Amino acid sequence: QLVESGGGLVQPGGSLRLSCVASRVIFGINVMGWYRQAPGKQRELVATATSGGSTYYADSVKGRFTISRDNAKNTVYLQMNSLKPDDTAVYYCKIRIYMATAEYDYWGQGTQVTVSS
């Protein structure tokens, strides 16, 4: 189970930090990431961080958002700076765990981020 927190209402140019905690210890190769879905739009990838330390960002958030992990706490964070109204969406945490013969995806319930003056 993944539980997100940290969403809310913020003015343009402001910052928020999202957190996502996994209820169980995560073993093996895995990728933790953040996705978002705005009203009327498809869910899109925002950023990912692998268990090996690699990160990826969507072009729309590069230079503004930072993803990080604390593996000891089974937690992934998304630091969001210089927020824009277009960043308004429900943000979802996901983990993909790679096993020998299959991969498994787990999603959080989502947290609302609203950027508005």
C-alpha atoms as a PDB file:
ATOM      1  CA  GLN A   1       0.000   0.000   0.000  1.00  0.00           C
ATOM      2  CA  LEU A   2       1.214   3.467  -0.907  1.00  0.00           C
ATOM      3  CA  VAL A   3       0.048   6.565   0.940  1.00  0.00           C
ATOM      4  CA  GLU A   4       0.650  10.044  -0.471  1.00  0.00           C
ATOM      5  CA  SER A   5       0.590  13.307   1.431  1.00  0.00           C
ATOM      6  CA  GLY A   6       1.635  16.914   1.030  1.00  0.00           C
ATOM      7  CA  GLY A   7      -0.820  18.185  -1.544  1.00  0.00           C
ATOM      8  CA  GLY A   8      -2.763  21.391  -1.163  1.00  0.00           C
ATOM      9  CA  LEU A   9      -3.456  24.851  -2.510  1.00  0.00           C
ATOM     10  CA  VAL A  10      -0.506  27.060  -3.402  1.00  0.00           C
ATOM     11  CA  GLN A  11      -0.055  30.307  -5.292  1.00  0.00           C
ATOM     12  CA  PRO A  12       1.807  30.413  -8.597  1.00  0.00           C
ATOM     13  CA  GLY A  13       5.540  30.467  -7.958  1.00  0.00           C
ATOM     14  CA  GLY A  14       5.139  28.624  -4.684  1.00  0.00           C
ATOM     15  CA  SER A  15       6.421  25.245  -3.556  1.00  0.00           C
ATOM     16  CA  LEU A  16       5.069  21.982  -2.231  1.00  0.00           C
ATOM     17  CA  ARG A  17       6.666  18.728  -1.169  1.00  0.00           C
ATOM     18  CA  LEU A  18       4.818  15.483  -1.763  1.00  0.00           C
ATOM     19  CA  SER A  19       5.609  12.303   0.139  1.00  0.00           C
ATOM     20  CA  CYS A  20       4.705   8.710  -0.603  1.00  0.00           C
ATOM     21  CA  VAL A  21       5.263   5.985   1.959  1.00  0.00           C
ATOM     22  CA  ALA A  22       5.122   2.274   1.212  1.00  0.00           C
ATOM     23  CA  SER A  23       3.571   0.243   3.988  1.00  0.00           C
ATOM     24  CA  ARG A  24       5.907  -2.677   3.396  1.00  0.00           C
ATOM     25  CA  VAL A  25       9.637  -2.976   2.989  1.00  0.00           C
ATOM     26  CA  ILE A  26      10.563  -2.938  -0.687  1.00  0.00           C
ATOM     27  CA  PHE A  27      13.053  -5.508  -1.859  1.00  0.00           C
ATOM     28  CA  GLY A  28      14.806  -5.889  -5.160  1.00  0.00           C
ATOM     29  CA  ILE A  29      14.932  -3.804  -8.285  1.00  0.00           C
ATOM     30  CA  ASN A  30      12.179  -1.236  -8.372  1.00  0.00           C
ATOM     31  CA  VAL A  31      11.189   2.140  -9.718  1.00  0.00           C
ATOM     32  CA  MET A  32       9.211   4.669  -7.702  1.00  0.00           C
ATOM     33  CA  GLY A  33       7.548   7.492  -9.518  1.00  0.00           C
ATOM     34  CA  TRP A  34       5.042  10.286  -9.562  1.00  0.00           C
ATOM     35  CA  TYR A  35       2.268  10.705 -12.095  1.00  0.00           C
ATOM     36  CA  ARG A  36      -0.426  13.326 -12.379  1.00  0.00           C
ATOM     37  CA  GLN A  37      -3.838  13.663 -13.921  1.00  0.00           C
ATOM     38  CA  ALA A  38      -5.522  16.960 -14.594  1.00  0.00           C
ATOM     39  CA  PRO A  39      -9.288  17.203 -15.185  1.00  0.00           C
ATOM     40  CA  GLY A  40     -10.179  15.989 -18.654  1.00  0.00           C
ATOM     41  CA  LYS A  41      -6.635  14.823 -19.395  1.00  0.00           C
ATOM     42  CA  GLN A  42      -4.826  11.524 -19.369  1.00  0.00           C
ATOM     43  CA  ARG A  43      -2.565  10.535 -16.539  1.00  0.00           C
ATOM     44  CA  GLU A  44       1.018  11.517 -17.327  1.00  0.00           C
ATOM     45  CA  LEU A  45       4.420  10.646 -15.968  1.00  0.00           C
ATOM     46  CA  VAL A  46       6.082  13.381 -13.932  1.00  0.00           C
ATOM     47  CA  ALA A  47       9.266  11.820 -12.559  1.00  0.00           C
ATOM     48  CA  THR A  48      10.801   8.485 -11.589  1.00  0.00           C
ATOM     49  CA  ALA A  49      13.647   7.293  -9.402  1.00  0.00           C
ATOM     50  CA  THR A  50      15.089   3.809  -9.639  1.00  0.00           C
ATOM     51  CA  SER A  51      16.452   1.703  -6.820  1.00  0.00           C
ATOM     52  CA  GLY A  52      19.806   2.104  -8.537  1.00  0.00           C
ATOM     53  CA  GLY A  53      19.747   5.865  -8.222  1.00  0.00           C
ATOM     54  CA  SER A  54      18.730   7.005 -11.698  1.00  0.00           C
ATOM     55  CA  THR A  55      16.111   9.679 -12.160  1.00  0.00           C
ATOM     56  CA  TYR A  56      13.897  10.832 -15.009  1.00  0.00           C
ATOM     57  CA  TYR A  57      11.812  13.971 -15.423  1.00  0.00           C
ATOM     58  CA  ALA A  58       9.151  14.998 -17.872  1.00  0.00           C
ATOM     59  CA  ASP A  59      10.218  18.019 -19.902  1.00  0.00           C
ATOM     60  CA  SER A  60       7.432  20.083 -18.402  1.00  0.00           C
ATOM     61  CA  VAL A  61       8.899  19.824 -14.875  1.00  0.00           C
ATOM     62  CA  LYS A  62      12.653  19.732 -15.524  1.00  0.00           C
ATOM     63  CA  GLY A  63      14.485  22.280 -13.446  1.00  0.00           C
ATOM     64  CA  ARG A  64      11.480  22.836 -11.172  1.00  0.00           C
ATOM     65  CA  PHE A  65      10.721  19.438  -9.622  1.00  0.00           C
ATOM     66  CA  THR A  66      13.086  17.092  -7.815  1.00  0.00           C
ATOM     67  CA  ILE A  67      12.381  13.457  -7.017  1.00  0.00           C
ATOM     68  CA  SER A  68      14.240  11.719  -4.222  1.00  0.00           C
ATOM     69  CA  ARG A  69      14.064   8.498  -2.260  1.00  0.00           C
ATOM     70  CA  ASP A  70      14.752   7.446   1.293  1.00  0.00           C
ATOM     71  CA  ASN A  71      15.008   3.689   0.974  1.00  0.00           C
ATOM     72  CA  ALA A  72      15.403   3.205   4.717  1.00  0.00           C
ATOM     73  CA  LYS A  73      11.969   4.767   5.145  1.00  0.00           C
ATOM     74  CA  ASN A  74      10.405   3.224   2.018  1.00  0.00           C
ATOM     75  CA  THR A  75       9.546   6.749   0.955  1.00  0.00           C
ATOM     76  CA  VAL A  76       9.729   8.767  -2.231  1.00  0.00           C
ATOM     77  CA  TYR A  77       9.434  12.551  -2.329  1.00  0.00           C
ATOM     78  CA  LEU A  78       8.615  15.107  -4.979  1.00  0.00           C
ATOM     79  CA  GLN A  79       9.837  18.620  -4.282  1.00  0.00           C
ATOM     80  CA  MET A  80       7.913  21.002  -6.511  1.00  0.00           C
ATOM     81  CA  ASN A  81       9.169  24.558  -6.928  1.00  0.00           C
ATOM     82  CA  SER A  82       8.091  27.440  -9.155  1.00  0.00           C
ATOM     83  CA  LEU A  83       4.648  25.921  -9.447  1.00  0.00           C
ATOM     84  CA  LYS A  84       2.396  26.977 -12.290  1.00  0.00           C
ATOM     85  CA  PRO A  85      -1.374  26.742 -12.740  1.00  0.00           C
ATOM     86  CA  ASP A  86      -0.718  24.015 -15.341  1.00  0.00           C
ATOM     87  CA  ASP A  87       0.716  21.863 -12.546  1.00  0.00           C
ATOM     88  CA  THR A  88      -2.758  21.596 -11.031  1.00  0.00           C
ATOM     89  CA  ALA A  89      -3.696  17.910 -10.929  1.00  0.00           C
ATOM     90  CA  VAL A  90      -4.141  14.884  -8.749  1.00  0.00           C
ATOM     91  CA  TYR A  91      -0.674  13.475  -8.128  1.00  0.00           C
ATOM     92  CA  TYR A  92      -0.259   9.731  -7.812  1.00  0.00           C
ATOM     93  CA  CYS A  93       2.637   7.704  -6.498  1.00  0.00           C
ATOM     94  CA  LYS A  94       3.505   4.408  -8.152  1.00  0.00           C
ATOM     95  CA  ILE A  95       6.036   1.690  -7.525  1.00  0.00           C
ATOM     96  CA  ARG A  96       6.983  -0.965 -10.048  1.00  0.00           C
ATOM     97  CA  ILE A  97       8.734  -3.978  -8.601  1.00  0.00           C
ATOM     98  CA  TYR A  98      10.688  -6.261 -10.903  1.00  0.00           C
ATOM     99  CA  MET A  99      10.676  -9.956 -10.021  1.00  0.00           C
ATOM    100  CA  ALA A 100      12.342 -12.827 -11.828  1.00  0.00           C
ATOM    101  CA  THR A 101       9.439 -13.502 -14.192  1.00  0.00           C
ATOM    102  CA  ALA A 102       7.052 -10.596 -13.750  1.00  0.00           C
ATOM    103  CA  GLU A 103       6.697  -6.987 -12.714  1.00  0.00           C
ATOM    104  CA  TYR A 104       4.120  -5.583 -10.332  1.00  0.00           C
ATOM    105  CA  ASP A 105       2.671  -2.084 -10.137  1.00  0.00           C
ATOM    106  CA  TYR A 106       1.181  -0.503  -7.019  1.00  0.00           C
ATOM    107  CA  TRP A 107      -0.546   2.879  -6.931  1.00  0.00           C
ATOM    108  CA  GLY A 108      -1.378   5.323  -4.208  1.00  0.00           C
ATOM    109  CA  GLN A 109      -4.776   6.966  -3.831  1.00  0.00           C
ATOM    110  CA  GLY A 110      -3.625  10.367  -5.074  1.00  0.00           C
ATOM    111  CA  THR A 111      -3.221  13.800  -3.552  1.00  0.00           C
ATOM    112  CA  GLN A 112      -4.660  17.009  -4.988  1.00  0.00           C
ATOM    113  CA  VAL A 113      -2.339  19.854  -5.938  1.00  0.00           C
ATOM    114  CA  THR A 114      -3.987  23.129  -6.885  1.00  0.00           C
ATOM    115  CA  VAL A 115      -1.955  26.101  -8.088  1.00  0.00           C
ATOM    116  CA  SER A 116      -4.042  29.228  -8.121  1.00  0.00           C
ATOM    117  CA  SER A 117      -3.987  32.830  -7.003  1.00  0.00           C
END
